[in-house]
Amino acid sequence: MLCAILLGLGARRVRSRMLVWSAICFALLAAANIVLVLDFVVFPGLALWPVRQGLSLLAVGSLVYGLIVEER
């Protein structure tokens, strides 16, 4: 999450849209890791793997989208 915060601050300072997409990706990956801890430690009987996989897919998808859009 610290990487996402630092990337967001850098994006605001430099005005780079690619840093914004990277910050979104890292924030979603951090959320997926939080859900992973919730899945295995807090709620071991509850199946949260679809949420975790969805967050990871959104994270990678947002970074790929940013790479494609910012290339143009």
PDB file of N, CA and C in Angstrom:
ATOM      1  N   MET A   1       0.822  -1.189   0.000  1.00  0.00           N
ATOM      2  CA  MET A   1       0.000   0.000   0.000  1.00  0.00           C
ATOM      3  C   MET A   1       0.866   1.254   0.000  1.00  0.00           C
ATOM      4  N   LEU A   2       2.036   1.142   0.630  1.00  0.00           N
ATOM      5  CA  LEU A   2       2.948   2.276   0.639  1.00  0.00           C
ATOM      6  C   LEU A   2       3.397   2.632  -0.774  1.00  0.00           C
ATOM      7  N   CYS A   3       3.634   1.627  -1.602  1.00  0.00           N
ATOM      8  CA  CYS A   3       4.009   1.885  -3.003  1.00  0.00           C
ATOM      9  C   CYS A   3       2.892   2.627  -3.730  1.00  0.00           C
ATOM     10  N   ALA A   4       1.653   2.229  -3.493  1.00  0.00           N
ATOM     11  CA  ALA A   4       0.520   2.895  -4.140  1.00  0.00           C
ATOM     12  C   ALA A   4       0.429   4.352  -3.702  1.00  0.00           C
ATOM     13  N   ILE A   5       0.661   4.603  -2.430  1.00  0.00           N
ATOM     14  CA  ILE A   5       0.608   5.976  -1.927  1.00  0.00           C
ATOM     15  C   ILE A   5       1.728   6.809  -2.528  1.00  0.00           C
ATOM     16  N   LEU A   6       2.939   6.258  -2.559  1.00  0.00           N
ATOM     17  CA  LEU A   6       4.066   6.994  -3.126  1.00  0.00           C
ATOM     18  C   LEU A   6       3.893   7.229  -4.628  1.00  0.00           C
ATOM     19  N   LEU A   7       3.361   6.239  -5.333  1.00  0.00           N
ATOM     20  CA  LEU A   7       3.101   6.434  -6.759  1.00  0.00           C
ATOM     21  C   LEU A   7       2.028   7.498  -6.972  1.00  0.00           C
ATOM     22  N   GLY A   8       0.997   7.503  -6.136  1.00  0.00           N
ATOM     23  CA  GLY A   8      -0.038   8.528  -6.244  1.00  0.00           C
ATOM     24  C   GLY A   8       0.495   9.922  -5.981  1.00  0.00           C
ATOM     25  N   LEU A   9       1.358  10.046  -4.976  1.00  0.00           N
ATOM     26  CA  LEU A   9       1.960  11.355  -4.698  1.00  0.00           C
ATOM     27  C   LEU A   9       2.872  11.796  -5.836  1.00  0.00           C
ATOM     28  N   GLY A  10       3.617  10.850  -6.387  1.00  0.00           N
ATOM     29  CA  GLY A  10       4.477  11.175  -7.522  1.00  0.00           C
ATOM     30  C   GLY A  10       3.676  11.559  -8.746  1.00  0.00           C
ATOM     31  N   ALA A  11       2.544  10.901  -8.956  1.00  0.00           N
ATOM     32  CA  ALA A  11       1.694  11.232 -10.099  1.00  0.00           C
ATOM     33  C   ALA A  11       1.114  12.628  -9.964  1.00  0.00           C
ATOM     34  N   ARG A  12       0.798  13.012  -8.747  1.00  0.00           N
ATOM     35  CA  ARG A  12       0.256  14.349  -8.539  1.00  0.00           C
ATOM     36  C   ARG A  12       1.320  15.419  -8.734  1.00  0.00           C
ATOM     37  N   ARG A  13       2.551  15.083  -8.330  1.00  0.00           N
ATOM     38  CA  ARG A  13       3.638  16.049  -8.439  1.00  0.00           C
ATOM     39  C   ARG A  13       4.105  16.211  -9.880  1.00  0.00           C
ATOM     40  N   VAL A  14       4.232  15.102 -10.598  1.00  0.00           N
ATOM     41  CA  VAL A  14       4.792  15.117 -11.950  1.00  0.00           C
ATOM     42  C   VAL A  14       3.704  15.238 -13.017  1.00  0.00           C
ATOM     43  N   ARG A  15       2.468  14.958 -12.675  1.00  0.00           N
ATOM     44  CA  ARG A  15       1.332  14.960 -13.605  1.00  0.00           C
ATOM     45  C   ARG A  15       1.484  13.874 -14.672  1.00  0.00           C
ATOM     46  N   SER A  16       1.850  12.674 -14.231  1.00  0.00           N
ATOM     47  CA  SER A  16       2.016  11.546 -15.139  1.00  0.00           C
ATOM     48  C   SER A  16       0.846  10.590 -14.978  1.00  0.00           C
ATOM     49  N   ARG A  17       0.159  10.324 -16.085  1.00  0.00           N
ATOM     50  CA  ARG A  17      -0.989   9.419 -16.031  1.00  0.00           C
ATOM     51  C   ARG A  17      -0.552   7.971 -15.853  1.00  0.00           C
ATOM     52  N   MET A  18       0.644   7.639 -16.320  1.00  0.00           N
ATOM     53  CA  MET A  18       1.139   6.273 -16.156  1.00  0.00           C
ATOM     54  C   MET A  18       1.371   5.958 -14.682  1.00  0.00           C
ATOM     55  N   LEU A  19       1.804   6.943 -13.924  1.00  0.00           N
ATOM     56  CA  LEU A  19       1.957   6.746 -12.483  1.00  0.00           C
ATOM     57  C   LEU A  19       0.607   6.553 -11.802  1.00  0.00           C
ATOM     58  N   VAL A  20      -0.418   7.190 -12.332  1.00  0.00           N
ATOM     59  CA  VAL A  20      -1.767   7.004 -11.785  1.00  0.00           C
ATOM     60  C   VAL A  20      -2.219   5.559 -11.986  1.00  0.00           C
ATOM     61  N   TRP A  21      -2.011   5.019 -13.210  1.00  0.00           N
ATOM     62  CA  TRP A  21      -2.394   3.635 -13.478  1.00  0.00           C
ATOM     63  C   TRP A  21      -1.582   2.664 -12.628  1.00  0.00           C
ATOM     64  N   SER A  22      -0.318   2.973 -12.428  1.00  0.00           N
ATOM     65  CA  SER A  22       0.512   2.112 -11.579  1.00  0.00           C
ATOM     66  C   SER A  22       0.041   2.163 -10.128  1.00  0.00           C
ATOM     67  N   ALA A  23      -0.342   3.332  -9.659  1.00  0.00           N
ATOM     68  CA  ALA A  23      -0.846   3.473  -8.291  1.00  0.00           C
ATOM     69  C   ALA A  23      -2.148   2.699  -8.113  1.00  0.00           C
ATOM     70  N   ILE A  24      -3.023   2.747  -9.110  1.00  0.00           N
ATOM     71  CA  ILE A  24      -4.275   1.993  -9.046  1.00  0.00           C
ATOM     72  C   ILE A  24      -3.981   0.501  -8.993  1.00  0.00           C
ATOM     73  N   CYS A  25      -3.043   0.047  -9.812  1.00  0.00           N
ATOM     74  CA  CYS A  25      -2.665  -1.363  -9.828  1.00  0.00           C
ATOM     75  C   CYS A  25      -2.135  -1.802  -8.473  1.00  0.00           C
ATOM     76  N   PHE A  26      -1.230  -1.042  -7.903  1.00  0.00           N
ATOM     77  CA  PHE A  26      -0.651  -1.411  -6.615  1.00  0.00           C
ATOM     78  C   PHE A  26      -1.692  -1.360  -5.501  1.00  0.00           C
ATOM     79  N   ALA A  27      -2.622  -0.421  -5.550  1.00  0.00           N
ATOM     80  CA  ALA A  27      -3.672  -0.350  -4.531  1.00  0.00           C
ATOM     81  C   ALA A  27      -4.586  -1.573  -4.619  1.00  0.00           C
ATOM     82  N   LEU A  28      -4.921  -1.996  -5.831  1.00  0.00           N
ATOM     83  CA  LEU A  28      -5.763  -3.178  -5.984  1.00  0.00           C
ATOM     84  C   LEU A  28      -5.022  -4.448  -5.565  1.00  0.00           C
ATOM     85  N   LEU A  29      -3.736  -4.517  -5.841  1.00  0.00           N
ATOM     86  CA  LEU A  29      -2.955  -5.672  -5.397  1.00  0.00           C
ATOM     87  C   LEU A  29      -2.847  -5.711  -3.875  1.00  0.00           C
ATOM     88  N   ALA A  30      -2.735  -4.549  -3.254  1.00  0.00           N
ATOM     89  CA  ALA A  30      -2.712  -4.496  -1.788  1.00  0.00           C
ATOM     90  C   ALA A  30      -4.061  -4.937  -1.222  1.00  0.00           C
ATOM     91  N   ALA A  31      -5.153  -4.528  -1.871  1.00  0.00           N
ATOM     92  CA  ALA A  31      -6.477  -4.964  -1.426  1.00  0.00           C
ATOM     93  C   ALA A  31      -6.627  -6.474  -1.579  1.00  0.00           C
ATOM     94  N   ALA A  32      -6.075  -7.043  -2.653  1.00  0.00           N
ATOM     95  CA  ALA A  32      -6.123  -8.494  -2.841  1.00  0.00           C
ATOM     96  C   ALA A  32      -5.346  -9.211  -1.740  1.00  0.00           C
ATOM     97  N   ASN A  33      -4.232  -8.638  -1.315  1.00  0.00           N
ATOM     98  CA  ASN A  33      -3.459  -9.241  -0.233  1.00  0.00           C
ATOM     99  C   ASN A  33      -4.191  -9.143   1.104  1.00  0.00           C
ATOM    100  N   ILE A  34      -4.918  -8.062   1.315  1.00  0.00           N
ATOM    101  CA  ILE A  34      -5.712  -7.935   2.537  1.00  0.00           C
ATOM    102  C   ILE A  34      -6.815  -8.987   2.547  1.00  0.00           C
ATOM    103  N   VAL A  35      -7.459  -9.198   1.396  1.00  0.00           N
ATOM    104  CA  VAL A  35      -8.488 -10.232   1.303  1.00  0.00           C
ATOM    105  C   VAL A  35      -7.874 -11.614   1.508  1.00  0.00           C
ATOM    106  N   LEU A  36      -6.641 -11.816   1.063  1.00  0.00           N
ATOM    107  CA  LEU A  36      -5.957 -13.088   1.285  1.00  0.00           C
ATOM    108  C   LEU A  36      -5.783 -13.372   2.770  1.00  0.00           C
ATOM    109  N   VAL A  37      -5.371 -12.356   3.530  1.00  0.00           N
ATOM    110  CA  VAL A  37      -5.224 -12.530   4.979  1.00  0.00           C
ATOM    111  C   VAL A  37      -6.580 -12.789   5.617  1.00  0.00           C
ATOM    112  N   LEU A  38      -7.595 -12.060   5.182  1.00  0.00           N
ATOM    113  CA  LEU A  38      -8.934 -12.290   5.712  1.00  0.00           C
ATOM    114  C   LEU A  38      -9.416 -13.699   5.397  1.00  0.00           C
ATOM    115  N   ASP A  39      -9.079 -14.176   4.215  1.00  0.00           N
ATOM    116  CA  ASP A  39      -9.529 -15.495   3.782  1.00  0.00           C
ATOM    117  C   ASP A  39      -8.897 -16.612   4.599  1.00  0.00           C
ATOM    118  N   PHE A  40      -7.610 -16.526   4.858  1.00  0.00           N
ATOM    119  CA  PHE A  40      -6.922 -17.627   5.527  1.00  0.00           C
ATOM    120  C   PHE A  40      -6.836 -17.494   7.042  1.00  0.00           C
ATOM    121  N   VAL A  41      -6.852 -16.270   7.574  1.00  0.00           N
ATOM    122  CA  VAL A  41      -6.650 -16.086   9.010  1.00  0.00           C
ATOM    123  C   VAL A  41      -7.958 -15.749   9.728  1.00  0.00           C
ATOM    124  N   VAL A  42      -8.672 -14.773   9.238  1.00  0.00           N
ATOM    125  CA  VAL A  42      -9.852 -14.291   9.957  1.00  0.00           C
ATOM    126  C   VAL A  42     -11.071 -15.170   9.696  1.00  0.00           C
ATOM    127  N   PHE A  43     -11.333 -15.474   8.428  1.00  0.00           N
ATOM    128  CA  PHE A  43     -12.498 -16.277   8.050  1.00  0.00           C
ATOM    129  C   PHE A  43     -12.043 -17.519   7.283  1.00  0.00           C
ATOM    130  N   PRO A  44     -11.478 -18.507   7.965  1.00  0.00           N
ATOM    131  CA  PRO A  44     -10.933 -19.660   7.228  1.00  0.00           C
ATOM    132  C   PRO A  44     -11.992 -20.514   6.529  1.00  0.00           C
ATOM    133  N   GLY A  45     -13.212 -20.518   6.986  1.00  0.00           N
ATOM    134  CA  GLY A  45     -14.246 -21.333   6.362  1.00  0.00           C
ATOM    135  C   GLY A  45     -14.927 -20.652   5.192  1.00  0.00           C
ATOM    136  N   LEU A  46     -14.774 -19.351   5.084  1.00  0.00           N
ATOM    137  CA  LEU A  46     -15.440 -18.573   4.040  1.00  0.00           C
ATOM    138  C   LEU A  46     -14.575 -18.562   2.788  1.00  0.00           C
ATOM    139  N   ALA A  47     -15.150 -18.836   1.656  1.00  0.00           N
ATOM    140  CA  ALA A  47     -14.391 -18.883   0.402  1.00  0.00           C
ATOM    141  C   ALA A  47     -14.347 -17.489  -0.225  1.00  0.00           C
ATOM    142  N   LEU A  48     -13.249 -16.799  -0.037  1.00  0.00           N
ATOM    143  CA  LEU A  48     -13.086 -15.462  -0.603  1.00  0.00           C
ATOM    144  C   LEU A  48     -12.172 -15.452  -1.832  1.00  0.00           C
ATOM    145  N   TRP A  49     -11.851 -16.618  -2.368  1.00  0.00           N
ATOM    146  CA  TRP A  49     -10.927 -16.645  -3.489  1.00  0.00           C
ATOM    147  C   TRP A  49     -11.471 -15.958  -4.738  1.00  0.00           C
ATOM    148  N   PRO A  50     -12.799 -15.958  -5.014  1.00  0.00           N
ATOM    149  CA  PRO A  50     -13.251 -15.212  -6.203  1.00  0.00           C
ATOM    150  C   PRO A  50     -13.020 -13.713  -6.068  1.00  0.00           C
ATOM    151  N   VAL A  51     -13.188 -13.189  -4.876  1.00  0.00           N
ATOM    152  CA  VAL A  51     -12.946 -11.762  -4.648  1.00  0.00           C
ATOM    153  C   VAL A  51     -11.468 -11.453  -4.839  1.00  0.00           C
ATOM    154  N   ARG A  52     -10.626 -12.308  -4.293  1.00  0.00           N
ATOM    155  CA  ARG A  52      -9.181 -12.125  -4.399  1.00  0.00           C
ATOM    156  C   ARG A  52      -8.728 -12.182  -5.854  1.00  0.00           C
ATOM    157  N   GLN A  53      -9.234 -13.171  -6.583  1.00  0.00           N
ATOM    158  CA  GLN A  53      -8.860 -13.297  -7.991  1.00  0.00           C
ATOM    159  C   GLN A  53      -9.407 -12.136  -8.816  1.00  0.00           C
ATOM    160  N   GLY A  54     -10.601 -11.681  -8.484  1.00  0.00           N
ATOM    161  CA  GLY A  54     -11.175 -10.538  -9.192  1.00  0.00           C
ATOM    162  C   GLY A  54     -10.374  -9.263  -8.982  1.00  0.00           C
ATOM    163  N   LEU A  55      -9.933  -9.043  -7.750  1.00  0.00           N
ATOM    164  CA  LEU A  55      -9.111  -7.860  -7.478  1.00  0.00           C
ATOM    165  C   LEU A  55      -7.772  -7.932  -8.208  1.00  0.00           C
ATOM    166  N   SER A  56      -7.188  -9.113  -8.245  1.00  0.00           N
ATOM    167  CA  SER A  56      -5.923  -9.274  -8.958  1.00  0.00           C
ATOM    168  C   SER A  56      -6.111  -9.055 -10.453  1.00  0.00           C
ATOM    169  N   LEU A  57      -7.203  -9.558 -10.997  1.00  0.00           N
ATOM    170  CA  LEU A  57      -7.486  -9.360 -12.415  1.00  0.00           C
ATOM    171  C   LEU A  57      -7.718  -7.887 -12.726  1.00  0.00           C
ATOM    172  N   LEU A  58      -8.442  -7.203 -11.865  1.00  0.00           N
ATOM    173  CA  LEU A  58      -8.641  -5.762 -12.057  1.00  0.00           C
ATOM    174  C   LEU A  58      -7.327  -4.996 -11.978  1.00  0.00           C
ATOM    175  N   ALA A  59      -6.447  -5.406 -11.072  1.00  0.00           N
ATOM    176  CA  ALA A  59      -5.162  -4.728 -10.922  1.00  0.00           C
ATOM    177  C   ALA A  59      -4.326  -4.853 -12.184  1.00  0.00           C
ATOM    178  N   VAL A  60      -4.180  -6.064 -12.659  1.00  0.00           N
ATOM    179  CA  VAL A  60      -3.374  -6.277 -13.859  1.00  0.00           C
ATOM    180  C   VAL A  60      -4.064  -5.658 -15.076  1.00  0.00           C
ATOM    181  N   GLY A  61      -5.376  -5.778 -15.133  1.00  0.00           N
ATOM    182  CA  GLY A  61      -6.117  -5.175 -16.238  1.00  0.00           C
ATOM    183  C   GLY A  61      -5.987  -3.661 -16.278  1.00  0.00           C
ATOM    184  N   SER A  62      -5.992  -3.030 -15.125  1.00  0.00           N
ATOM    185  CA  SER A  62      -5.842  -1.573 -15.098  1.00  0.00           C
ATOM    186  C   SER A  62      -4.447  -1.152 -15.551  1.00  0.00           C
ATOM    187  N   LEU A  63      -3.433  -1.915 -15.181  1.00  0.00           N
ATOM    188  CA  LEU A  63      -2.082  -1.577 -15.608  1.00  0.00           C
ATOM    189  C   LEU A  63      -1.922  -1.794 -17.109  1.00  0.00           C
ATOM    190  N   VAL A  64      -2.468  -2.877 -17.627  1.00  0.00           N
ATOM    191  CA  VAL A  64      -2.396  -3.124 -19.076  1.00  0.00           C
ATOM    192  C   VAL A  64      -3.165  -2.052 -19.834  1.00  0.00           C
ATOM    193  N   TYR A  65      -4.337  -1.679 -19.345  1.00  0.00           N
ATOM    194  CA  TYR A  65      -5.112  -0.609 -19.973  1.00  0.00           C
ATOM    195  C   TYR A  65      -4.325   0.704 -19.972  1.00  0.00           C
ATOM    196  N   GLY A  66      -3.695   1.009 -18.848  1.00  0.00           N
ATOM    197  CA  GLY A  66      -2.886   2.223 -18.780  1.00  0.00           C
ATOM    198  C   GLY A  66      -1.719   2.186 -19.744  1.00  0.00           C
ATOM    199  N   LEU A  67      -1.092   1.044 -19.882  1.00  0.00           N
ATOM    200  CA  LEU A  67       0.020   0.916 -20.829  1.00  0.00           C
ATOM    201  C   LEU A  67      -0.464   1.125 -22.259  1.00  0.00           C
ATOM    202  N   ILE A  68      -1.632   0.586 -22.591  1.00  0.00           N
ATOM    203  CA  ILE A  68      -2.147   0.727 -23.954  1.00  0.00           C
ATOM    204  C   ILE A  68      -2.576   2.162 -24.220  1.00  0.00           C
ATOM    205  N   VAL A  69      -3.293   2.759 -23.285  1.00  0.00           N
ATOM    206  CA  VAL A  69      -3.805   4.113 -23.486  1.00  0.00           C
ATOM    207  C   VAL A  69      -2.679   5.140 -23.510  1.00  0.00           C
ATOM    208  N   GLU A  70      -1.711   4.988 -22.624  1.00  0.00           N
ATOM    209  CA  GLU A  70      -0.634   5.961 -22.543  1.00  0.00           C
ATOM    210  C   GLU A  70       0.374   5.826 -23.685  1.00  0.00           C
ATOM    211  N   GLU A  71       0.340   4.704 -24.387  1.00  0.00           N
ATOM    212  CA  GLU A  71       1.247   4.552 -25.527  1.00  0.00           C
ATOM    213  C   GLU A  71       0.841   5.462 -26.658  1.00  0.00           C
ATOM    214  N   ARG A  72      -0.440   5.693 -26.810  1.00  0.00           N
ATOM    215  CA  ARG A  72      -0.945   6.492 -27.935  1.00  0.00           C
ATOM    216  C   ARG A  72      -0.580   7.919 -27.835  1.00  0.00           C
TER     217      ARG A  72
END
